[in-house]
């Protein structure tokens, strides 16, 4: 076990810049990862929060919450309708997870799996749903409508009339930061991209309070993100391997390089580089 002081010295010696300067120098790639048992969590708190409509103006301040949650045992209507009250309305869906049973305080590999479907309506514009992470309090309250600070994790474009479709996104950095802060909880909010051009957008999560399997799930694995060579630390060897795998957006990674696709968007690009920098800075002993 290296001391913290020694770990900082190693980080200074093996900085990211020196290794990325060698971009394009291909290395023989192999991986001997030992995957630990993963834990899967259901939301501890969730609901749909409404702003606008018959309750008041569309002003970013929620006027009602659990709109489709406790009363009807259904949640999952994600909407944005601009205009004037009472037609101006937005629904945001939130899911909060408690992973206090995870004993590791080291960076972990984590993913969020959920389903979305399109709205059966005309005009048939696509709907862009953003997924944000924020610090969860495990309560169902109006504050979840805009709790911050938030981190944009992914944007999903949902087609009109699209059948329920399963998505999985990487949330390793967000969950690892929650572990480092010792909060061991995290919230994910689904809402429309505020830059969407359409005046009316709809998508659905179709989650039933009586059936946890219809809700998003959070899977946490104590495998160290970015540990390509499987030696339980993110070291200079992993930096060299990442350099060889960094092919850019919309280029499918090889099977051995998928460990560096932190956001699970089927490429290894600068978004993954940012995540790798975080895991490298933590430098797991």
C-alpha atoms as a PDB file:
ATOM      1  CA  UNK A   1       0.000   0.000   0.000  1.00  0.00           C
ATOM      2  CA  UNK A   2       1.443   3.317  -1.012  1.00  0.00           C
ATOM      3  CA  UNK A   3       1.085   6.242   1.300  1.00  0.00           C
ATOM      4  CA  UNK A   4      -1.045   9.153   0.156  1.00  0.00           C
ATOM      5  CA  UNK A   5       2.108  11.244  -0.232  1.00  0.00           C
ATOM      6  CA  UNK A   6       3.692   8.600  -2.457  1.00  0.00           C
ATOM      7  CA  UNK A   7       0.517   8.371  -4.531  1.00  0.00           C
ATOM      8  CA  UNK A   8       0.613  12.103  -5.175  1.00  0.00           C
ATOM      9  CA  UNK A   9       4.260  11.822  -6.218  1.00  0.00           C
ATOM     10  CA  UNK A  10       3.430   9.044  -8.645  1.00  0.00           C
ATOM     11  CA  UNK A  11       0.570  11.098 -10.093  1.00  0.00           C
ATOM     12  CA  UNK A  12       2.922  14.017 -10.668  1.00  0.00           C
ATOM     13  CA  UNK A  13       5.500  11.810 -12.296  1.00  0.00           C
ATOM     14  CA  UNK A  14       3.079  10.043 -14.597  1.00  0.00           C
ATOM     15  CA  UNK A  15       0.900  12.985 -15.692  1.00  0.00           C
ATOM     16  CA  UNK A  16      -1.777  12.657 -18.374  1.00  0.00           C
ATOM     17  CA  UNK A  17      -0.082  15.023 -20.794  1.00  0.00           C
ATOM     18  CA  UNK A  18       3.054  12.953 -21.325  1.00  0.00           C
ATOM     19  CA  UNK A  19       1.040   9.866 -22.178  1.00  0.00           C
ATOM     20  CA  UNK A  20      -1.491  11.573 -24.425  1.00  0.00           C
ATOM     21  CA  UNK A  21       1.391  13.012 -26.432  1.00  0.00           C
ATOM     22  CA  UNK A  22       1.918   9.472 -27.650  1.00  0.00           C
ATOM     23  CA  UNK A  23      -1.614   9.268 -29.056  1.00  0.00           C
ATOM     24  CA  UNK A  24      -1.755   6.900 -31.990  1.00  0.00           C
ATOM     25  CA  UNK A  25       1.019   4.596 -30.854  1.00  0.00           C
ATOM     26  CA  UNK A  26      -0.871   1.297 -30.777  1.00  0.00           C
ATOM     27  CA  UNK A  27      -0.122  -1.125 -27.995  1.00  0.00           C
ATOM     28  CA  UNK A  28      -0.834  -4.833 -27.775  1.00  0.00           C
ATOM     29  CA  UNK A  29      -4.063  -4.807 -25.784  1.00  0.00           C
ATOM     30  CA  UNK A  30      -5.131  -7.464 -23.344  1.00  0.00           C
ATOM     31  CA  UNK A  31      -7.314  -7.466 -20.290  1.00  0.00           C
ATOM     32  CA  UNK A  32      -7.421  -9.783 -17.308  1.00  0.00           C
ATOM     33  CA  UNK A  33     -10.184  -8.081 -15.372  1.00  0.00           C
ATOM     34  CA  UNK A  34     -11.754  -9.904 -12.453  1.00  0.00           C
ATOM     35  CA  UNK A  35     -15.349  -8.736 -12.203  1.00  0.00           C
ATOM     36  CA  UNK A  36     -16.680  -8.488  -8.688  1.00  0.00           C
ATOM     37  CA  UNK A  37     -20.245  -9.285  -7.781  1.00  0.00           C
ATOM     38  CA  UNK A  38     -22.502  -6.358  -8.619  1.00  0.00           C
ATOM     39  CA  UNK A  39     -25.294  -4.942  -6.467  1.00  0.00           C
ATOM     40  CA  UNK A  40     -28.473  -3.690  -8.101  1.00  0.00           C
ATOM     41  CA  UNK A  41     -30.667  -1.087  -6.406  1.00  0.00           C
ATOM     42  CA  UNK A  42     -34.248   0.048  -6.921  1.00  0.00           C
ATOM     43  CA  UNK A  43     -35.200   3.678  -6.219  1.00  0.00           C
ATOM     44  CA  UNK A  44     -35.786   4.593  -2.588  1.00  0.00           C
ATOM     45  CA  UNK A  45     -37.779   7.698  -3.552  1.00  0.00           C
ATOM     46  CA  UNK A  46     -39.320   8.768  -6.835  1.00  0.00           C
ATOM     47  CA  UNK A  47     -42.131  10.725  -8.382  1.00  0.00           C
ATOM     48  CA  UNK A  48     -43.300  13.178 -11.017  1.00  0.00           C
ATOM     49  CA  UNK A  49     -43.228  16.896 -10.295  1.00  0.00           C
ATOM     50  CA  UNK A  50     -45.419  19.379 -12.176  1.00  0.00           C
ATOM     51  CA  UNK A  51     -44.731  23.032 -12.855  1.00  0.00           C
ATOM     52  CA  UNK A  52     -47.436  25.155 -14.464  1.00  0.00           C
ATOM     53  CA  UNK A  53     -50.775  23.894 -15.710  1.00  0.00           C
ATOM     54  CA  UNK A  54     -53.814  24.503 -13.539  1.00  0.00           C
ATOM     55  CA  UNK A  55     -51.595  24.971 -10.485  1.00  0.00           C
ATOM     56  CA  UNK A  56     -49.815  28.143 -11.507  1.00  0.00           C
ATOM     57  CA  UNK A  57     -47.399  29.689 -14.007  1.00  0.00           C
ATOM     58  CA  UNK A  58     -44.626  27.766 -15.776  1.00  0.00           C
ATOM     59  CA  UNK A  59     -41.851  29.550 -13.906  1.00  0.00           C
ATOM     60  CA  UNK A  60     -39.381  26.885 -12.796  1.00  0.00           C
ATOM     61  CA  UNK A  61     -41.034  26.627  -9.377  1.00  0.00           C
ATOM     62  CA  UNK A  62     -42.980  23.377  -8.930  1.00  0.00           C
ATOM     63  CA  UNK A  63     -46.623  23.727  -8.011  1.00  0.00           C
ATOM     64  CA  UNK A  64     -47.377  20.084  -7.282  1.00  0.00           C
ATOM     65  CA  UNK A  65     -45.437  16.863  -6.826  1.00  0.00           C
ATOM     66  CA  UNK A  66     -46.050  13.118  -6.933  1.00  0.00           C
ATOM     67  CA  UNK A  67     -48.583  14.139  -9.573  1.00  0.00           C
ATOM     68  CA  UNK A  68     -48.780  10.599 -10.924  1.00  0.00           C
ATOM     69  CA  UNK A  69     -47.144   8.855  -7.989  1.00  0.00           C
ATOM     70  CA  UNK A  70     -48.970   8.239  -4.741  1.00  0.00           C
ATOM     71  CA  UNK A  71     -52.482   8.975  -5.976  1.00  0.00           C
ATOM     72  CA  UNK A  72     -52.624   6.729  -9.024  1.00  0.00           C
ATOM     73  CA  UNK A  73     -49.588   4.501  -8.368  1.00  0.00           C
ATOM     74  CA  UNK A  74     -48.132   5.551 -11.743  1.00  0.00           C
ATOM     75  CA  UNK A  75     -45.282   7.864 -12.603  1.00  0.00           C
ATOM     76  CA  UNK A  76     -43.367   8.611 -15.724  1.00  0.00           C
ATOM     77  CA  UNK A  77     -44.973  11.418 -17.770  1.00  0.00           C
ATOM     78  CA  UNK A  78     -42.151  13.669 -19.010  1.00  0.00           C
ATOM     79  CA  UNK A  79     -43.575  16.730 -20.750  1.00  0.00           C
ATOM     80  CA  UNK A  80     -42.818  20.286 -21.762  1.00  0.00           C
ATOM     81  CA  UNK A  81     -45.549  22.521 -23.175  1.00  0.00           C
ATOM     82  CA  UNK A  82     -44.751  26.179 -23.632  1.00  0.00           C
ATOM     83  CA  UNK A  83     -47.277  28.971 -23.801  1.00  0.00           C
ATOM     84  CA  UNK A  84     -49.426  30.615 -21.162  1.00  0.00           C
ATOM     85  CA  UNK A  85     -51.269  29.102 -18.233  1.00  0.00           C
ATOM     86  CA  UNK A  86     -53.162  26.857 -17.933  1.00  0.00           C
ATOM     87  CA  UNK A  87     -51.676  25.094 -20.975  1.00  0.00           C
ATOM     88  CA  UNK A  88     -48.020  25.825 -20.149  1.00  0.00           C
ATOM     89  CA  UNK A  89     -46.846  22.799 -18.218  1.00  0.00           C
ATOM     90  CA  UNK A  90     -43.756  20.713 -17.483  1.00  0.00           C
ATOM     91  CA  UNK A  91     -43.424  17.329 -15.791  1.00  0.00           C
ATOM     92  CA  UNK A  92     -40.055  16.121 -14.542  1.00  0.00           C
ATOM     93  CA  UNK A  93     -39.497  12.617 -13.187  1.00  0.00           C
ATOM     94  CA  UNK A  94     -36.945  11.892 -10.479  1.00  0.00           C
ATOM     95  CA  UNK A  95     -35.482   8.714  -9.013  1.00  0.00           C
ATOM     96  CA  UNK A  96     -33.337   8.636  -5.880  1.00  0.00           C
ATOM     97  CA  UNK A  97     -31.172   5.718  -4.819  1.00  0.00           C
ATOM     98  CA  UNK A  98     -29.681   4.733  -1.481  1.00  0.00           C
ATOM     99  CA  UNK A  99     -26.595   2.526  -1.857  1.00  0.00           C
ATOM    100  CA  UNK A 100     -25.455   2.661   1.787  1.00  0.00           C
ATOM    101  CA  UNK A 101     -24.864  -1.112   1.684  1.00  0.00           C
ATOM    102  CA  UNK A 102     -21.891  -0.558  -0.650  1.00  0.00           C
ATOM    103  CA  UNK A 103     -18.928  -0.824   1.697  1.00  0.00           C
ATOM    104  CA  UNK A 104     -16.324   0.373  -0.808  1.00  0.00           C
ATOM    105  CA  UNK A 105     -15.207   3.997  -0.640  1.00  0.00           C
ATOM    106  CA  UNK A 106     -13.061   3.565  -3.760  1.00  0.00           C
ATOM    107  CA  UNK A 107     -14.183   4.445  -7.288  1.00  0.00           C
ATOM    108  CA  UNK A 108     -16.684   1.917  -8.579  1.00  0.00           C
ATOM    109  CA  UNK A 109     -18.206   0.978 -11.900  1.00  0.00           C
ATOM    110  CA  UNK A 110     -21.885   1.927 -12.029  1.00  0.00           C
ATOM    111  CA  UNK A 111     -24.645   2.041 -14.621  1.00  0.00           C
ATOM    112  CA  UNK A 112     -28.249   3.232 -14.735  1.00  0.00           C
ATOM    113  CA  UNK A 113     -30.783   1.224 -16.756  1.00  0.00           C
ATOM    114  CA  UNK A 114     -34.213   2.610 -17.659  1.00  0.00           C
ATOM    115  CA  UNK A 115     -36.965   2.469 -20.289  1.00  0.00           C
ATOM    116  CA  UNK A 116     -38.516   5.317 -22.253  1.00  0.00           C
ATOM    117  CA  UNK A 117     -41.202   5.377 -24.919  1.00  0.00           C
ATOM    118  CA  UNK A 118     -42.465   7.977 -27.344  1.00  0.00           C
ATOM    119  CA  UNK A 119     -45.776   9.797 -27.266  1.00  0.00           C
ATOM    120  CA  UNK A 120     -48.495   8.746 -29.739  1.00  0.00           C
ATOM    121  CA  UNK A 121     -49.254  12.207 -31.047  1.00  0.00           C
ATOM    122  CA  UNK A 122     -48.954  14.650 -33.935  1.00  0.00           C
ATOM    123  CA  UNK A 123     -47.087  16.742 -34.916  1.00  0.00           C
ATOM    124  CA  UNK A 124     -44.495  13.985 -34.741  1.00  0.00           C
ATOM    125  CA  UNK A 125     -41.386  15.768 -33.477  1.00  0.00           C
ATOM    126  CA  UNK A 126     -38.711  13.765 -31.681  1.00  0.00           C
ATOM    127  CA  UNK A 127     -38.356  14.368 -27.951  1.00  0.00           C
ATOM    128  CA  UNK A 128     -34.929  15.007 -26.387  1.00  0.00           C
ATOM    129  CA  UNK A 129     -34.837  13.833 -22.780  1.00  0.00           C
ATOM    130  CA  UNK A 130     -31.905  14.845 -20.588  1.00  0.00           C
ATOM    131  CA  UNK A 131     -30.764  12.723 -17.647  1.00  0.00           C
ATOM    132  CA  UNK A 132     -29.191  14.686 -14.796  1.00  0.00           C
ATOM    133  CA  UNK A 133     -27.535  13.551 -11.563  1.00  0.00           C
ATOM    134  CA  UNK A 134     -27.934  15.527  -8.348  1.00  0.00           C
ATOM    135  CA  UNK A 135     -27.391  15.075  -4.620  1.00  0.00           C
ATOM    136  CA  UNK A 136     -30.335  13.110  -3.257  1.00  0.00           C
ATOM    137  CA  UNK A 137     -32.063  13.566   0.095  1.00  0.00           C
ATOM    138  CA  UNK A 138     -34.215  10.421  -0.336  1.00  0.00           C
ATOM    139  CA  UNK A 139     -37.348  12.518   0.111  1.00  0.00           C
ATOM    140  CA  UNK A 140     -40.191  13.152  -2.302  1.00  0.00           C
ATOM    141  CA  UNK A 141     -40.446  16.915  -2.286  1.00  0.00           C
ATOM    142  CA  UNK A 142     -40.876  19.892  -4.629  1.00  0.00           C
ATOM    143  CA  UNK A 143     -37.153  20.619  -4.313  1.00  0.00           C
ATOM    144  CA  UNK A 144     -36.417  17.645  -6.569  1.00  0.00           C
ATOM    145  CA  UNK A 145     -37.793  19.618  -9.515  1.00  0.00           C
ATOM    146  CA  UNK A 146     -34.621  21.704  -9.716  1.00  0.00           C
ATOM    147  CA  UNK A 147     -32.267  20.449  -7.004  1.00  0.00           C
ATOM    148  CA  UNK A 148     -28.664  21.194  -7.808  1.00  0.00           C
ATOM    149  CA  UNK A 149     -25.897  21.265  -8.564  1.00  0.00           C
ATOM    150  CA  UNK A 150     -26.666  18.897 -11.405  1.00  0.00           C
ATOM    151  CA  UNK A 151     -24.503  16.969 -13.847  1.00  0.00           C
ATOM    152  CA  UNK A 152     -25.781  16.194 -17.339  1.00  0.00           C
ATOM    153  CA  UNK A 153     -25.158  12.471 -17.859  1.00  0.00           C
ATOM    154  CA  UNK A 154     -26.901  11.727 -21.133  1.00  0.00           C
ATOM    155  CA  UNK A 155     -29.417  12.950 -23.704  1.00  0.00           C
ATOM    156  CA  UNK A 156     -31.766  10.481 -25.364  1.00  0.00           C
ATOM    157  CA  UNK A 157     -33.778  11.292 -28.476  1.00  0.00           C
ATOM    158  CA  UNK A 158     -37.135   9.532 -28.328  1.00  0.00           C
ATOM    159  CA  UNK A 159     -39.073   9.146 -31.559  1.00  0.00           C
ATOM    160  CA  UNK A 160     -42.846   9.642 -31.743  1.00  0.00           C
ATOM    161  CA  UNK A 161     -44.733   6.373 -31.264  1.00  0.00           C
ATOM    162  CA  UNK A 162     -41.486   4.701 -30.180  1.00  0.00           C
ATOM    163  CA  UNK A 163     -42.097   1.444 -28.327  1.00  0.00           C
ATOM    164  CA  UNK A 164     -40.679   1.115 -24.795  1.00  0.00           C
ATOM    165  CA  UNK A 165     -36.922   0.997 -25.277  1.00  0.00           C
ATOM    166  CA  UNK A 166     -34.291   0.048 -22.713  1.00  0.00           C
ATOM    167  CA  UNK A 167     -31.261   2.310 -22.257  1.00  0.00           C
ATOM    168  CA  UNK A 168     -28.153   1.907 -20.119  1.00  0.00           C
ATOM    169  CA  UNK A 169     -25.852   4.830 -19.329  1.00  0.00           C
ATOM    170  CA  UNK A 170     -22.594   4.936 -17.408  1.00  0.00           C
ATOM    171  CA  UNK A 171     -22.785   6.741 -14.074  1.00  0.00           C
ATOM    172  CA  UNK A 172     -19.507   5.561 -12.550  1.00  0.00           C
ATOM    173  CA  UNK A 173     -18.057   8.999 -11.890  1.00  0.00           C
ATOM    174  CA  UNK A 174     -21.268  10.390 -10.350  1.00  0.00           C
ATOM    175  CA  UNK A 175     -21.665   7.379  -8.049  1.00  0.00           C
ATOM    176  CA  UNK A 176     -17.955   7.336  -7.165  1.00  0.00           C
ATOM    177  CA  UNK A 177     -18.113  11.004  -6.177  1.00  0.00           C
ATOM    178  CA  UNK A 178     -21.102  10.235  -3.941  1.00  0.00           C
ATOM    179  CA  UNK A 179     -19.095   7.456  -2.318  1.00  0.00           C
ATOM    180  CA  UNK A 180     -16.118   9.767  -1.848  1.00  0.00           C
ATOM    181  CA  UNK A 181     -18.393  12.318  -0.177  1.00  0.00           C
ATOM    182  CA  UNK A 182     -19.748   9.505   2.025  1.00  0.00           C
ATOM    183  CA  UNK A 183     -23.348  10.384   1.134  1.00  0.00           C
ATOM    184  CA  UNK A 184     -23.939   7.014  -0.558  1.00  0.00           C
ATOM    185  CA  UNK A 185     -27.043   8.250  -2.300  1.00  0.00           C
ATOM    186  CA  UNK A 186     -27.768   9.864  -5.622  1.00  0.00           C
ATOM    187  CA  UNK A 187     -30.692  11.272  -7.576  1.00  0.00           C
ATOM    188  CA  UNK A 188     -31.395  11.138 -11.302  1.00  0.00           C
ATOM    189  CA  UNK A 189     -33.838  13.569 -12.902  1.00  0.00           C
ATOM    190  CA  UNK A 190     -35.432  13.069 -16.326  1.00  0.00           C
ATOM    191  CA  UNK A 191     -36.576  16.242 -18.042  1.00  0.00           C
ATOM    192  CA  UNK A 192     -36.717  17.798 -21.461  1.00  0.00           C
ATOM    193  CA  UNK A 193     -33.694  19.523 -22.860  1.00  0.00           C
ATOM    194  CA  UNK A 194     -34.347  23.205 -22.088  1.00  0.00           C
ATOM    195  CA  UNK A 195     -32.950  24.054 -25.549  1.00  0.00           C
ATOM    196  CA  UNK A 196     -35.539  21.924 -27.352  1.00  0.00           C
ATOM    197  CA  UNK A 197     -37.109  23.792 -30.236  1.00  0.00           C
ATOM    198  CA  UNK A 198     -40.554  22.232 -30.042  1.00  0.00           C
ATOM    199  CA  UNK A 199     -43.299  24.005 -28.147  1.00  0.00           C
ATOM    200  CA  UNK A 200     -44.802  20.686 -27.074  1.00  0.00           C
ATOM    201  CA  UNK A 201     -42.803  17.559 -26.239  1.00  0.00           C
ATOM    202  CA  UNK A 202     -43.766  14.327 -24.526  1.00  0.00           C
ATOM    203  CA  UNK A 203     -42.124  11.064 -23.495  1.00  0.00           C
ATOM    204  CA  UNK A 204     -42.969   8.432 -20.923  1.00  0.00           C
ATOM    205  CA  UNK A 205     -41.153   6.201 -18.452  1.00  0.00           C
ATOM    206  CA  UNK A 206     -44.230   4.023 -17.707  1.00  0.00           C
ATOM    207  CA  UNK A 207     -43.228   3.029 -14.173  1.00  0.00           C
ATOM    208  CA  UNK A 208     -45.610   1.447 -11.692  1.00  0.00           C
ATOM    209  CA  UNK A 209     -45.180   2.011  -7.990  1.00  0.00           C
ATOM    210  CA  UNK A 210     -46.449  -1.523  -7.389  1.00  0.00           C
ATOM    211  CA  UNK A 211     -43.806  -3.086  -9.663  1.00  0.00           C
ATOM    212  CA  UNK A 212     -40.164  -2.133  -8.926  1.00  0.00           C
ATOM    213  CA  UNK A 213     -39.046  -3.934 -12.077  1.00  0.00           C
ATOM    214  CA  UNK A 214     -40.655  -1.181 -14.188  1.00  0.00           C
ATOM    215  CA  UNK A 215     -38.492   1.471 -12.553  1.00  0.00           C
ATOM    216  CA  UNK A 216     -34.886   2.407 -13.375  1.00  0.00           C
ATOM    217  CA  UNK A 217     -32.218   0.311 -11.663  1.00  0.00           C
ATOM    218  CA  UNK A 218     -28.776   1.301 -10.452  1.00  0.00           C
ATOM    219  CA  UNK A 219     -26.049  -1.340 -10.640  1.00  0.00           C
ATOM    220  CA  UNK A 220     -22.850  -0.795  -8.633  1.00  0.00           C
ATOM    221  CA  UNK A 221     -19.799  -2.985  -9.195  1.00  0.00           C
ATOM    222  CA  UNK A 222     -16.632  -2.632  -7.129  1.00  0.00           C
ATOM    223  CA  UNK A 223     -14.495  -3.168 -10.226  1.00  0.00           C
ATOM    224  CA  UNK A 224     -12.204  -0.150 -10.538  1.00  0.00           C
ATOM    225  CA  UNK A 225     -13.132   1.977 -13.581  1.00  0.00           C
ATOM    226  CA  UNK A 226     -10.235   2.357 -15.981  1.00  0.00           C
ATOM    227  CA  UNK A 227      -8.141  -0.438 -14.464  1.00  0.00           C
ATOM    228  CA  UNK A 228      -7.329  -2.001 -17.836  1.00  0.00           C
ATOM    229  CA  UNK A 229      -4.506  -4.237 -16.674  1.00  0.00           C
ATOM    230  CA  UNK A 230      -6.383  -5.488 -13.622  1.00  0.00           C
ATOM    231  CA  UNK A 231      -3.757  -4.598 -11.005  1.00  0.00           C
ATOM    232  CA  UNK A 232      -6.210  -2.760  -8.724  1.00  0.00           C
ATOM    233  CA  UNK A 233      -4.997   0.737  -9.549  1.00  0.00           C
ATOM    234  CA  UNK A 234      -5.272   3.218 -12.384  1.00  0.00           C
ATOM    235  CA  UNK A 235      -1.621   3.633 -13.264  1.00  0.00           C
ATOM    236  CA  UNK A 236       0.635   4.581 -16.158  1.00  0.00           C
ATOM    237  CA  UNK A 237      -0.060   1.278 -17.898  1.00  0.00           C
ATOM    238  CA  UNK A 238      -3.768   2.081 -17.951  1.00  0.00           C
ATOM    239  CA  UNK A 239      -3.002   5.572 -19.298  1.00  0.00           C
ATOM    240  CA  UNK A 240      -1.048   4.051 -22.189  1.00  0.00           C
ATOM    241  CA  UNK A 241      -3.895   1.630 -22.918  1.00  0.00           C
ATOM    242  CA  UNK A 242      -6.450   4.454 -22.826  1.00  0.00           C
ATOM    243  CA  UNK A 243      -4.334   6.452 -25.265  1.00  0.00           C
ATOM    244  CA  UNK A 244      -4.433   3.572 -27.724  1.00  0.00           C
ATOM    245  CA  UNK A 245      -8.206   3.194 -27.307  1.00  0.00           C
ATOM    246  CA  UNK A 246      -9.078   6.898 -27.705  1.00  0.00           C
ATOM    247  CA  UNK A 247     -10.482   6.826 -31.250  1.00  0.00           C
ATOM    248  CA  UNK A 248     -13.090   9.597 -30.946  1.00  0.00           C
ATOM    249  CA  UNK A 249     -16.868   9.924 -31.182  1.00  0.00           C
ATOM    250  CA  UNK A 250     -19.024   7.472 -33.131  1.00  0.00           C
ATOM    251  CA  UNK A 251     -16.197   4.949 -33.552  1.00  0.00           C
ATOM    252  CA  UNK A 252     -17.120   1.635 -31.973  1.00  0.00           C
ATOM    253  CA  UNK A 253     -14.447   0.458 -29.523  1.00  0.00           C
ATOM    254  CA  UNK A 254     -12.908  -2.983 -29.723  1.00  0.00           C
ATOM    255  CA  UNK A 255     -13.925  -5.515 -27.097  1.00  0.00           C
ATOM    256  CA  UNK A 256     -10.767  -4.868 -25.084  1.00  0.00           C
ATOM    257  CA  UNK A 257     -11.307  -1.102 -25.157  1.00  0.00           C
ATOM    258  CA  UNK A 258     -14.885  -1.115 -23.876  1.00  0.00           C
ATOM    259  CA  UNK A 259     -13.644  -0.705 -20.317  1.00  0.00           C
ATOM    260  CA  UNK A 260     -12.861   2.930 -21.237  1.00  0.00           C
ATOM    261  CA  UNK A 261     -16.369   3.668 -22.566  1.00  0.00           C
ATOM    262  CA  UNK A 262     -17.403   5.139 -19.243  1.00  0.00           C
ATOM    263  CA  UNK A 263     -20.649   6.736 -20.469  1.00  0.00           C
ATOM    264  CA  UNK A 264     -21.640   3.593 -22.435  1.00  0.00           C
ATOM    265  CA  UNK A 265     -22.331   5.480 -25.657  1.00  0.00           C
ATOM    266  CA  UNK A 266     -20.414   2.989 -27.838  1.00  0.00           C
ATOM    267  CA  UNK A 267     -17.248   5.029 -28.351  1.00  0.00           C
ATOM    268  CA  UNK A 268     -14.144   6.185 -26.484  1.00  0.00           C
ATOM    269  CA  UNK A 269     -13.958   9.958 -26.862  1.00  0.00           C
ATOM    270  CA  UNK A 270     -13.128  13.109 -24.912  1.00  0.00           C
ATOM    271  CA  UNK A 271     -16.148  12.620 -22.647  1.00  0.00           C
ATOM    272  CA  UNK A 272     -14.561   9.355 -21.549  1.00  0.00           C
ATOM    273  CA  UNK A 273     -11.190  11.105 -21.254  1.00  0.00           C
ATOM    274  CA  UNK A 274     -12.711  13.517 -18.728  1.00  0.00           C
ATOM    275  CA  UNK A 275     -14.015  10.595 -16.680  1.00  0.00           C
ATOM    276  CA  UNK A 276     -10.688   8.786 -16.960  1.00  0.00           C
ATOM    277  CA  UNK A 277      -8.896  11.871 -15.641  1.00  0.00           C
ATOM    278  CA  UNK A 278     -11.098  11.710 -12.543  1.00  0.00           C
ATOM    279  CA  UNK A 279     -10.397   8.030 -11.900  1.00  0.00           C
ATOM    280  CA  UNK A 280      -6.713   8.571 -12.582  1.00  0.00           C
ATOM    281  CA  UNK A 281      -6.587  11.466 -10.098  1.00  0.00           C
ATOM    282  CA  UNK A 282      -8.128   9.328  -7.391  1.00  0.00           C
ATOM    283  CA  UNK A 283      -5.388   6.745  -8.015  1.00  0.00           C
ATOM    284  CA  UNK A 284      -6.714   3.665  -6.300  1.00  0.00           C
ATOM    285  CA  UNK A 285      -3.986   1.869  -4.274  1.00  0.00           C
END
